[in-house]
Amino acid sequence: MVRLERGRARPLRRYSHCGSPPGIDFKIRTIELEGKRIKLQIWDTAGQERFRTITTAYYRGAMGIMLVYDITNEKSFENIRNWVRNIEEHASPDVEKMILGNKCDANDKRQVSREQGEKLAASFGIKFMETSAKANINIENAFFTLARDIKAKMDKKLEGNSPQGSNQGVKITPDQQKKSSFFRCVLL
């Protein structure tokens, strides 16, 4: 799920190719990652409070959450702390998170420095990136980074669940592994 503040250009619109109902943008994008097809299901509430109930319900199933603020709007940046707390309350403890400072192409209107964004992300142990949906800066990189992090976490969990030192059971070779995965992401 990716959350965006109202009035911001939307990275989701730049990144995906299908329509959705008004209010909440819902997109599906399939990407190729490390030889696997990864299907991203992306929900964007545009920061609208009326969708808070729906948003918290989707936290529970989300594997990755992007929190997006507008670098030309300090209030949207200040709201990130509230959304992180909301995520910590409602999402899985191992959900991957990323903070995006959008509209980095509008430096002349900047109200939030890159350093402020980096510092906030570091305080929560979250990755940070500046983007521009309008100029298509770092949009694809942000989604691929989040997808890679989710995949790495899933692979690590799978390794942890395999029996240690046991020759019993079935061995799965890379050719036998499932060639596609499904990740649900939320834009906030």
N, C-alpha and C. Protein backbone atom coordinates (compact mmCIF):
# COMPACT_ATOMS: atom_id res chain seq x y z
N MET A 1 0.86 -1.16 0.00
CA MET A 1 0.00 0.00 0.00
C MET A 1 0.90 1.21 0.00
N VAL A 2 0.58 2.18 -0.76
CA VAL A 2 1.35 3.40 -0.79
C VAL A 2 0.43 4.54 -0.44
N ARG A 3 0.82 5.36 0.48
CA ARG A 3 -0.03 6.45 0.91
C ARG A 3 0.52 7.75 0.36
N LEU A 4 -0.35 8.53 -0.24
CA LEU A 4 0.04 9.82 -0.78
C LEU A 4 -0.85 10.90 -0.20
N GLU A 5 -0.30 12.06 0.04
CA GLU A 5 -1.09 13.19 0.52
C GLU A 5 -1.88 13.79 -0.65
N ARG A 6 -3.04 14.32 -0.36
CA ARG A 6 -3.88 14.94 -1.36
C ARG A 6 -3.12 16.07 -2.05
N GLY A 7 -3.33 16.21 -3.34
CA GLY A 7 -2.73 17.31 -4.09
C GLY A 7 -1.34 17.02 -4.63
N ARG A 8 -0.81 15.87 -4.37
CA ARG A 8 0.53 15.54 -4.88
C ARG A 8 0.41 14.75 -6.17
N ALA A 9 1.38 14.93 -7.02
CA ALA A 9 1.46 14.07 -8.20
C ALA A 9 1.66 12.66 -7.69
N ARG A 10 1.10 11.69 -8.33
CA ARG A 10 1.10 10.34 -7.78
C ARG A 10 2.08 9.42 -8.48
N PRO A 11 3.06 8.91 -7.71
CA PRO A 11 3.97 7.93 -8.29
C PRO A 11 3.24 6.72 -8.84
N LEU A 12 2.13 6.34 -8.24
CA LEU A 12 1.39 5.17 -8.69
C LEU A 12 0.90 5.35 -10.11
N ARG A 13 0.38 6.51 -10.43
CA ARG A 13 -0.11 6.75 -11.79
C ARG A 13 1.02 6.64 -12.80
N ARG A 14 2.19 7.09 -12.41
CA ARG A 14 3.34 7.01 -13.30
C ARG A 14 3.77 5.56 -13.47
N TYR A 15 3.64 4.77 -12.41
CA TYR A 15 4.21 3.43 -12.40
C TYR A 15 3.31 2.37 -13.01
N SER A 16 1.99 2.50 -12.89
CA SER A 16 1.12 1.42 -13.34
C SER A 16 0.33 1.84 -14.58
N HIS A 17 -0.39 0.88 -15.13
CA HIS A 17 -1.00 1.10 -16.43
C HIS A 17 -2.50 0.80 -16.48
N CYS A 18 -3.17 0.69 -15.36
CA CYS A 18 -4.60 0.35 -15.43
C CYS A 18 -5.42 1.31 -14.58
N GLY A 19 -6.70 1.39 -14.84
CA GLY A 19 -7.59 2.30 -14.14
C GLY A 19 -8.11 1.71 -12.85
N SER A 20 -8.77 2.57 -12.04
CA SER A 20 -9.33 2.12 -10.78
C SER A 20 -10.48 3.04 -10.39
N PRO A 21 -11.26 2.64 -9.40
CA PRO A 21 -12.38 3.47 -8.98
C PRO A 21 -11.91 4.77 -8.33
N PRO A 22 -12.78 5.81 -8.33
CA PRO A 22 -12.39 7.08 -7.71
C PRO A 22 -12.17 6.90 -6.21
N GLY A 23 -11.33 7.74 -5.64
CA GLY A 23 -11.08 7.69 -4.20
C GLY A 23 -9.84 6.90 -3.86
N ILE A 24 -9.85 5.63 -4.16
CA ILE A 24 -8.69 4.78 -3.90
C ILE A 24 -8.19 4.26 -5.24
N ASP A 25 -6.94 4.53 -5.52
CA ASP A 25 -6.34 3.96 -6.72
C ASP A 25 -5.90 2.54 -6.42
N PHE A 26 -6.27 1.63 -7.26
CA PHE A 26 -5.84 0.24 -7.15
C PHE A 26 -5.23 -0.16 -8.47
N LYS A 27 -4.00 -0.61 -8.42
CA LYS A 27 -3.29 -0.98 -9.64
C LYS A 27 -2.59 -2.32 -9.44
N ILE A 28 -2.41 -3.02 -10.54
CA ILE A 28 -1.61 -4.24 -10.53
C ILE A 28 -0.50 -4.05 -11.54
N ARG A 29 0.69 -4.35 -11.13
CA ARG A 29 1.86 -4.24 -12.01
C ARG A 29 2.69 -5.50 -11.83
N THR A 30 3.03 -6.14 -12.92
CA THR A 30 3.88 -7.33 -12.87
C THR A 30 5.28 -6.92 -13.31
N ILE A 31 6.27 -7.28 -12.49
CA ILE A 31 7.66 -6.95 -12.80
C ILE A 31 8.49 -8.22 -12.83
N GLU A 32 9.62 -8.16 -13.46
CA GLU A 32 10.58 -9.26 -13.48
C GLU A 32 11.66 -8.92 -12.47
N LEU A 33 11.88 -9.82 -11.51
CA LEU A 33 12.86 -9.57 -10.46
C LEU A 33 13.65 -10.85 -10.20
N GLU A 34 14.92 -10.81 -10.48
CA GLU A 34 15.82 -11.94 -10.25
C GLU A 34 15.26 -13.23 -10.88
N GLY A 35 14.80 -13.11 -12.12
CA GLY A 35 14.30 -14.26 -12.85
C GLY A 35 12.91 -14.72 -12.47
N LYS A 36 12.24 -13.99 -11.59
CA LYS A 36 10.88 -14.35 -11.19
C LYS A 36 9.93 -13.23 -11.57
N ARG A 37 8.71 -13.64 -11.91
CA ARG A 37 7.66 -12.65 -12.14
C ARG A 37 7.03 -12.31 -10.80
N ILE A 38 7.01 -11.04 -10.50
CA ILE A 38 6.44 -10.56 -9.24
C ILE A 38 5.24 -9.70 -9.57
N LYS A 39 4.10 -10.06 -9.00
CA LYS A 39 2.87 -9.30 -9.22
C LYS A 39 2.68 -8.37 -8.03
N LEU A 40 2.70 -7.07 -8.29
CA LEU A 40 2.48 -6.07 -7.25
C LEU A 40 1.03 -5.62 -7.28
N GLN A 41 0.36 -5.72 -6.15
CA GLN A 41 -1.00 -5.20 -6.02
C GLN A 41 -0.84 -3.93 -5.19
N ILE A 42 -1.17 -2.78 -5.78
CA ILE A 42 -0.84 -1.49 -5.16
C ILE A 42 -2.12 -0.71 -4.89
N TRP A 43 -2.26 -0.26 -3.65
CA TRP A 43 -3.41 0.53 -3.21
C TRP A 43 -2.91 1.92 -2.82
N ASP A 44 -3.61 2.95 -3.28
CA ASP A 44 -3.22 4.33 -2.98
C ASP A 44 -4.43 5.09 -2.47
N THR A 45 -4.38 5.51 -1.20
CA THR A 45 -5.50 6.23 -0.59
C THR A 45 -5.35 7.74 -0.70
N ALA A 46 -4.25 8.22 -1.24
CA ALA A 46 -4.00 9.65 -1.41
C ALA A 46 -4.10 10.41 -0.10
N GLY A 47 -3.86 9.75 1.01
CA GLY A 47 -3.84 10.42 2.30
C GLY A 47 -5.20 10.88 2.79
N GLN A 48 -6.26 10.40 2.21
CA GLN A 48 -7.58 10.86 2.59
C GLN A 48 -8.05 10.14 3.85
N GLU A 49 -8.37 10.92 4.86
CA GLU A 49 -8.77 10.37 6.15
C GLU A 49 -10.01 9.49 6.05
N ARG A 50 -10.87 9.76 5.09
CA ARG A 50 -12.10 8.95 4.99
C ARG A 50 -11.79 7.49 4.66
N PHE A 51 -10.57 7.21 4.21
CA PHE A 51 -10.19 5.84 3.90
C PHE A 51 -9.35 5.19 5.00
N ARG A 52 -9.26 5.84 6.17
CA ARG A 52 -8.41 5.31 7.23
C ARG A 52 -8.82 3.90 7.64
N THR A 53 -10.12 3.62 7.74
CA THR A 53 -10.57 2.28 8.12
C THR A 53 -10.15 1.25 7.08
N ILE A 54 -10.35 1.58 5.82
CA ILE A 54 -9.94 0.67 4.75
C ILE A 54 -8.43 0.49 4.78
N THR A 55 -7.72 1.59 4.96
CA THR A 55 -6.25 1.56 4.98
C THR A 55 -5.75 0.63 6.07
N THR A 56 -6.28 0.76 7.29
CA THR A 56 -5.79 -0.10 8.38
C THR A 56 -6.12 -1.56 8.11
N ALA A 57 -7.22 -1.84 7.44
CA ALA A 57 -7.54 -3.23 7.09
C ALA A 57 -6.51 -3.78 6.11
N TYR A 58 -6.06 -2.97 5.18
CA TYR A 58 -5.08 -3.44 4.20
C TYR A 58 -3.68 -3.54 4.76
N TYR A 59 -3.39 -2.83 5.83
CA TYR A 59 -2.08 -2.98 6.49
C TYR A 59 -1.85 -4.43 6.85
N ARG A 60 -2.88 -5.09 7.36
CA ARG A 60 -2.73 -6.46 7.87
C ARG A 60 -2.22 -7.43 6.81
N GLY A 61 -2.59 -7.23 5.56
CA GLY A 61 -2.15 -8.14 4.52
C GLY A 61 -1.00 -7.61 3.68
N ALA A 62 -0.59 -6.38 3.96
CA ALA A 62 0.46 -5.77 3.14
C ALA A 62 1.83 -6.34 3.47
N MET A 63 2.62 -6.54 2.45
CA MET A 63 4.01 -6.98 2.62
C MET A 63 4.96 -5.79 2.54
N GLY A 64 4.50 -4.71 1.94
CA GLY A 64 5.31 -3.50 1.81
C GLY A 64 4.44 -2.27 1.83
N ILE A 65 4.93 -1.22 2.46
CA ILE A 65 4.19 0.04 2.54
C ILE A 65 5.13 1.19 2.21
N MET A 66 4.70 2.03 1.27
CA MET A 66 5.43 3.25 0.94
C MET A 66 4.67 4.43 1.52
N LEU A 67 5.38 5.25 2.27
CA LEU A 67 4.79 6.47 2.81
C LEU A 67 5.35 7.62 1.99
N VAL A 68 4.46 8.37 1.36
CA VAL A 68 4.89 9.40 0.42
C VAL A 68 4.43 10.76 0.91
N TYR A 69 5.39 11.69 1.00
CA TYR A 69 5.05 13.07 1.33
C TYR A 69 5.50 13.97 0.19
N ASP A 70 4.97 15.18 0.20
CA ASP A 70 5.27 16.18 -0.82
C ASP A 70 6.36 17.10 -0.26
N ILE A 71 7.52 17.17 -0.91
CA ILE A 71 8.62 18.00 -0.39
C ILE A 71 8.29 19.48 -0.40
N THR A 72 7.21 19.87 -1.11
CA THR A 72 6.80 21.28 -1.15
C THR A 72 5.69 21.56 -0.14
N ASN A 73 5.40 20.59 0.73
CA ASN A 73 4.31 20.73 1.70
C ASN A 73 4.77 20.14 3.04
N GLU A 74 5.18 21.01 3.95
CA GLU A 74 5.72 20.54 5.23
C GLU A 74 4.70 19.74 6.04
N LYS A 75 3.43 20.10 5.93
CA LYS A 75 2.38 19.39 6.67
C LYS A 75 2.33 17.91 6.25
N SER A 76 2.48 17.64 4.97
CA SER A 76 2.45 16.25 4.51
C SER A 76 3.63 15.47 5.10
N PHE A 77 4.77 16.14 5.27
CA PHE A 77 5.95 15.52 5.89
C PHE A 77 5.67 15.22 7.36
N GLU A 78 5.07 16.18 8.06
CA GLU A 78 4.76 15.99 9.48
C GLU A 78 3.79 14.84 9.70
N ASN A 79 2.90 14.60 8.74
CA ASN A 79 1.93 13.51 8.86
C ASN A 79 2.56 12.12 8.77
N ILE A 80 3.77 12.03 8.25
CA ILE A 80 4.42 10.72 8.10
C ILE A 80 4.57 10.03 9.45
N ARG A 81 4.92 10.78 10.50
CA ARG A 81 5.07 10.17 11.84
C ARG A 81 3.77 9.49 12.28
N ASN A 82 2.64 10.16 12.04
CA ASN A 82 1.34 9.58 12.42
C ASN A 82 1.07 8.30 11.63
N TRP A 83 1.41 8.30 10.35
CA TRP A 83 1.17 7.11 9.54
C TRP A 83 2.08 5.97 9.94
N VAL A 84 3.31 6.28 10.32
CA VAL A 84 4.21 5.22 10.79
C VAL A 84 3.65 4.59 12.07
N ARG A 85 3.17 5.43 12.99
CA ARG A 85 2.56 4.90 14.22
C ARG A 85 1.34 4.03 13.89
N ASN A 86 0.53 4.47 12.94
CA ASN A 86 -0.64 3.71 12.52
C ASN A 86 -0.22 2.37 11.94
N ILE A 87 0.83 2.36 11.15
CA ILE A 87 1.35 1.12 10.57
C ILE A 87 1.84 0.20 11.67
N GLU A 88 2.59 0.75 12.62
CA GLU A 88 3.11 -0.07 13.72
C GLU A 88 1.98 -0.70 14.53
N GLU A 89 0.86 -0.01 14.60
CA GLU A 89 -0.29 -0.51 15.36
C GLU A 89 -1.08 -1.57 14.60
N HIS A 90 -1.18 -1.44 13.28
CA HIS A 90 -2.09 -2.30 12.51
C HIS A 90 -1.42 -3.27 11.55
N ALA A 91 -0.18 -3.03 11.17
CA ALA A 91 0.46 -3.89 10.17
C ALA A 91 1.26 -5.00 10.84
N SER A 92 1.64 -5.96 10.04
CA SER A 92 2.53 -7.03 10.50
C SER A 92 3.85 -6.40 10.94
N PRO A 93 4.46 -6.91 12.00
CA PRO A 93 5.72 -6.31 12.47
C PRO A 93 6.86 -6.41 11.47
N ASP A 94 6.78 -7.33 10.52
CA ASP A 94 7.88 -7.46 9.56
C ASP A 94 7.56 -6.88 8.18
N VAL A 95 6.54 -6.02 8.10
CA VAL A 95 6.21 -5.38 6.83
C VAL A 95 7.37 -4.46 6.42
N GLU A 96 7.72 -4.50 5.14
CA GLU A 96 8.77 -3.61 4.62
C GLU A 96 8.17 -2.22 4.43
N LYS A 97 8.94 -1.22 4.83
CA LYS A 97 8.47 0.17 4.72
C LYS A 97 9.51 1.01 3.99
N MET A 98 9.03 2.06 3.33
CA MET A 98 9.91 3.00 2.64
C MET A 98 9.24 4.37 2.68
N ILE A 99 10.03 5.41 2.89
CA ILE A 99 9.52 6.78 2.85
C ILE A 99 10.01 7.42 1.55
N LEU A 100 9.06 8.04 0.83
CA LEU A 100 9.39 8.74 -0.40
C LEU A 100 9.07 10.22 -0.26
N GLY A 101 10.03 11.07 -0.58
CA GLY A 101 9.80 12.51 -0.68
C GLY A 101 9.53 12.82 -2.15
N ASN A 102 8.27 13.07 -2.49
CA ASN A 102 7.90 13.27 -3.88
C ASN A 102 8.00 14.74 -4.29
N LYS A 103 8.02 14.98 -5.58
CA LYS A 103 8.16 16.29 -6.23
C LYS A 103 9.58 16.84 -6.09
N CYS A 104 10.58 15.98 -6.13
CA CYS A 104 11.96 16.45 -6.02
C CYS A 104 12.38 17.30 -7.20
N ASP A 105 11.55 17.35 -8.24
CA ASP A 105 11.82 18.22 -9.38
C ASP A 105 11.44 19.68 -9.09
N ALA A 106 10.76 19.93 -7.97
CA ALA A 106 10.29 21.27 -7.61
C ALA A 106 11.16 21.87 -6.50
N ASN A 107 12.46 21.86 -6.70
CA ASN A 107 13.41 22.34 -5.69
C ASN A 107 13.16 23.79 -5.30
N ASP A 108 12.70 24.61 -6.23
CA ASP A 108 12.45 26.02 -5.94
C ASP A 108 11.30 26.21 -4.96
N LYS A 109 10.44 25.22 -4.79
CA LYS A 109 9.30 25.29 -3.87
C LYS A 109 9.50 24.41 -2.64
N ARG A 110 10.67 23.83 -2.50
CA ARG A 110 10.97 22.86 -1.44
C ARG A 110 10.76 23.48 -0.05
N GLN A 111 10.02 22.75 0.80
CA GLN A 111 9.83 23.12 2.20
C GLN A 111 10.48 22.10 3.13
N VAL A 112 10.77 20.91 2.61
CA VAL A 112 11.36 19.83 3.41
C VAL A 112 12.68 19.43 2.74
N SER A 113 13.77 19.57 3.47
CA SER A 113 15.08 19.23 2.90
C SER A 113 15.24 17.72 2.77
N ARG A 114 16.11 17.32 1.88
CA ARG A 114 16.43 15.90 1.72
C ARG A 114 16.95 15.34 3.04
N GLU A 115 17.76 16.14 3.74
CA GLU A 115 18.33 15.70 5.01
C GLU A 115 17.24 15.43 6.05
N GLN A 116 16.18 16.25 6.06
CA GLN A 116 15.07 16.00 6.98
C GLN A 116 14.41 14.66 6.68
N GLY A 117 14.20 14.38 5.41
CA GLY A 117 13.60 13.11 5.01
C GLY A 117 14.48 11.94 5.40
N GLU A 118 15.78 12.06 5.15
CA GLU A 118 16.72 10.99 5.50
C GLU A 118 16.75 10.76 7.01
N LYS A 119 16.74 11.86 7.76
CA LYS A 119 16.79 11.76 9.23
C LYS A 119 15.53 11.08 9.78
N LEU A 120 14.37 11.46 9.25
CA LEU A 120 13.11 10.85 9.70
C LEU A 120 13.11 9.35 9.39
N ALA A 121 13.49 9.01 8.17
CA ALA A 121 13.52 7.59 7.79
C ALA A 121 14.48 6.81 8.67
N ALA A 122 15.65 7.38 8.93
CA ALA A 122 16.65 6.70 9.78
C ALA A 122 16.12 6.51 11.19
N SER A 123 15.34 7.47 11.69
CA SER A 123 14.81 7.36 13.06
C SER A 123 13.86 6.18 13.20
N PHE A 124 13.23 5.77 12.10
CA PHE A 124 12.33 4.62 12.10
C PHE A 124 12.98 3.37 11.52
N GLY A 125 14.22 3.48 11.06
CA GLY A 125 14.89 2.34 10.44
C GLY A 125 14.28 1.98 9.09
N ILE A 126 13.85 2.99 8.35
CA ILE A 126 13.15 2.81 7.08
C ILE A 126 14.02 3.39 5.96
N LYS A 127 13.97 2.77 4.79
CA LYS A 127 14.68 3.32 3.64
C LYS A 127 14.01 4.60 3.18
N PHE A 128 14.82 5.46 2.54
CA PHE A 128 14.33 6.75 2.06
C PHE A 128 14.80 6.99 0.64
N MET A 129 13.95 7.66 -0.13
CA MET A 129 14.30 8.02 -1.50
C MET A 129 13.48 9.25 -1.88
N GLU A 130 14.07 10.14 -2.67
CA GLU A 130 13.30 11.24 -3.24
C GLU A 130 12.88 10.86 -4.65
N THR A 131 11.66 11.25 -5.02
CA THR A 131 11.08 10.88 -6.30
C THR A 131 10.41 12.08 -6.95
N SER A 132 10.08 11.93 -8.20
CA SER A 132 9.21 12.87 -8.91
C SER A 132 8.36 12.06 -9.87
N ALA A 133 7.06 12.05 -9.63
CA ALA A 133 6.15 11.38 -10.55
C ALA A 133 6.08 12.16 -11.86
N LYS A 134 6.11 13.47 -11.76
CA LYS A 134 6.02 14.32 -12.95
C LYS A 134 7.22 14.12 -13.88
N ALA A 135 8.42 14.11 -13.31
CA ALA A 135 9.64 13.98 -14.12
C ALA A 135 10.13 12.53 -14.21
N ASN A 136 9.37 11.61 -13.63
CA ASN A 136 9.71 10.18 -13.63
C ASN A 136 11.11 9.93 -13.05
N ILE A 137 11.35 10.50 -11.88
CA ILE A 137 12.63 10.33 -11.18
C ILE A 137 12.45 9.33 -10.05
N ASN A 138 13.19 8.24 -10.09
CA ASN A 138 13.25 7.22 -9.03
C ASN A 138 11.94 6.47 -8.79
N ILE A 139 10.95 6.61 -9.64
CA ILE A 139 9.67 5.91 -9.42
C ILE A 139 9.88 4.41 -9.54
N GLU A 140 10.41 3.98 -10.67
CA GLU A 140 10.62 2.54 -10.86
C GLU A 140 11.62 2.01 -9.85
N ASN A 141 12.66 2.77 -9.57
CA ASN A 141 13.68 2.37 -8.59
C ASN A 141 13.04 2.13 -7.22
N ALA A 142 12.12 3.00 -6.81
CA ALA A 142 11.46 2.84 -5.50
C ALA A 142 10.67 1.54 -5.44
N PHE A 143 9.87 1.26 -6.47
CA PHE A 143 9.06 0.04 -6.46
C PHE A 143 9.94 -1.21 -6.53
N PHE A 144 10.99 -1.18 -7.35
CA PHE A 144 11.88 -2.33 -7.43
C PHE A 144 12.63 -2.54 -6.12
N THR A 145 13.05 -1.45 -5.48
CA THR A 145 13.76 -1.57 -4.20
C THR A 145 12.85 -2.22 -3.16
N LEU A 146 11.61 -1.75 -3.07
CA LEU A 146 10.68 -2.32 -2.10
C LEU A 146 10.41 -3.79 -2.44
N ALA A 147 10.20 -4.11 -3.70
CA ALA A 147 9.94 -5.50 -4.11
C ALA A 147 11.14 -6.39 -3.78
N ARG A 148 12.36 -5.91 -4.03
CA ARG A 148 13.57 -6.69 -3.70
C ARG A 148 13.66 -6.94 -2.20
N ASP A 149 13.36 -5.91 -1.41
CA ASP A 149 13.42 -6.07 0.05
C ASP A 149 12.38 -7.07 0.54
N ILE A 150 11.18 -7.02 -0.03
CA ILE A 150 10.13 -7.97 0.34
C ILE A 150 10.57 -9.39 -0.03
N LYS A 151 11.07 -9.55 -1.24
CA LYS A 151 11.51 -10.87 -1.71
C LYS A 151 12.63 -11.41 -0.82
N ALA A 152 13.59 -10.56 -0.47
CA ALA A 152 14.71 -11.00 0.38
C ALA A 152 14.19 -11.46 1.74
N LYS A 153 13.22 -10.73 2.29
CA LYS A 153 12.65 -11.11 3.58
C LYS A 153 11.91 -12.43 3.47
N MET A 154 11.17 -12.62 2.38
CA MET A 154 10.44 -13.87 2.19
C MET A 154 11.40 -15.04 2.01
N ASP A 155 12.46 -14.83 1.21
CA ASP A 155 13.46 -15.88 1.01
C ASP A 155 14.11 -16.27 2.33
N LYS A 156 14.41 -15.28 3.15
CA LYS A 156 15.04 -15.54 4.45
C LYS A 156 14.10 -16.34 5.36
N LYS A 157 12.82 -16.00 5.33
CA LYS A 157 11.84 -16.75 6.13
C LYS A 157 11.76 -18.20 5.66
N LEU A 158 11.75 -18.40 4.34
CA LEU A 158 11.68 -19.76 3.79
C LEU A 158 12.91 -20.57 4.19
N GLU A 159 14.08 -19.95 4.16
CA GLU A 159 15.31 -20.64 4.59
C GLU A 159 15.23 -21.01 6.06
N GLY A 160 14.67 -20.12 6.87
CA GLY A 160 14.54 -20.37 8.30
C GLY A 160 13.56 -21.47 8.63
N ASN A 161 12.61 -21.72 7.74
CA ASN A 161 11.61 -22.76 7.97
C ASN A 161 12.04 -24.13 7.49
N SER A 162 13.14 -24.21 6.73
CA SER A 162 13.58 -25.52 6.25
C SER A 162 14.34 -26.23 7.35
N PRO A 163 14.14 -27.54 7.47
CA PRO A 163 14.81 -28.29 8.53
C PRO A 163 16.32 -28.29 8.34
N GLN A 164 17.05 -28.03 9.41
CA GLN A 164 18.51 -28.00 9.38
C GLN A 164 19.07 -29.41 9.51
N GLY A 165 20.02 -29.72 8.67
CA GLY A 165 20.73 -31.00 8.78
C GLY A 165 19.89 -32.22 8.47
N SER A 166 18.77 -32.03 7.82
CA SER A 166 17.90 -33.16 7.51
C SER A 166 17.99 -33.50 6.04
N ASN A 167 18.17 -34.76 5.74
CA ASN A 167 18.20 -35.20 4.36
C ASN A 167 16.83 -35.71 3.92
N GLN A 168 15.86 -35.68 4.85
CA GLN A 168 14.53 -36.15 4.52
C GLN A 168 13.75 -35.03 3.85
N GLY A 169 12.66 -35.38 3.23
CA GLY A 169 11.82 -34.38 2.60
C GLY A 169 12.15 -34.22 1.14
N VAL A 170 11.58 -33.20 0.55
CA VAL A 170 11.74 -32.97 -0.88
C VAL A 170 12.67 -31.80 -1.09
N LYS A 171 13.60 -31.96 -1.99
CA LYS A 171 14.48 -30.85 -2.37
C LYS A 171 13.89 -30.19 -3.60
N ILE A 172 13.85 -28.88 -3.56
CA ILE A 172 13.34 -28.14 -4.71
C ILE A 172 14.51 -27.44 -5.37
N THR A 173 14.70 -27.73 -6.64
CA THR A 173 15.77 -27.06 -7.38
C THR A 173 15.22 -25.76 -7.95
N PRO A 174 16.10 -24.83 -8.33
CA PRO A 174 15.62 -23.56 -8.88
C PRO A 174 14.66 -23.73 -10.05
N ASP A 175 14.86 -24.76 -10.89
CA ASP A 175 13.97 -24.99 -12.02
C ASP A 175 12.57 -25.41 -11.58
N GLN A 176 12.47 -26.00 -10.39
CA GLN A 176 11.18 -26.47 -9.90
C GLN A 176 10.44 -25.41 -9.10
N GLN A 177 11.15 -24.36 -8.70
CA GLN A 177 10.51 -23.34 -7.88
C GLN A 177 9.45 -22.59 -8.69
N LYS A 178 8.47 -22.14 -7.97
CA LYS A 178 7.42 -21.35 -8.59
C LYS A 178 8.04 -20.11 -9.24
N LYS A 179 7.64 -19.81 -10.45
CA LYS A 179 8.25 -18.72 -11.20
C LYS A 179 7.60 -17.36 -10.97
N SER A 180 6.52 -17.30 -10.19
CA SER A 180 5.92 -15.99 -9.94
C SER A 180 5.52 -15.88 -8.48
N SER A 181 5.46 -14.65 -8.02
CA SER A 181 5.07 -14.36 -6.64
C SER A 181 4.07 -13.22 -6.67
N PHE A 182 3.40 -13.02 -5.54
CA PHE A 182 2.39 -11.98 -5.43
C PHE A 182 2.72 -11.15 -4.20
N PHE A 183 2.91 -9.86 -4.36
CA PHE A 183 3.18 -8.96 -3.23
C PHE A 183 2.07 -7.92 -3.19
N ARG A 184 1.54 -7.67 -2.00
CA ARG A 184 0.59 -6.57 -1.86
C ARG A 184 1.31 -5.40 -1.23
N CYS A 185 1.28 -4.26 -1.90
CA CYS A 185 1.93 -3.04 -1.43
C CYS A 185 0.87 -1.98 -1.20
N VAL A 186 1.11 -1.13 -0.23
CA VAL A 186 0.19 -0.06 0.09
C VAL A 186 0.94 1.26 -0.03
N LEU A 187 0.38 2.22 -0.75
CA LEU A 187 0.95 3.57 -0.85
C LEU A 187 0.21 4.46 0.12
N LEU A 188 0.93 5.09 1.01
CA LEU A 188 0.32 6.01 1.97
C LEU A 188 0.79 7.41 1.73
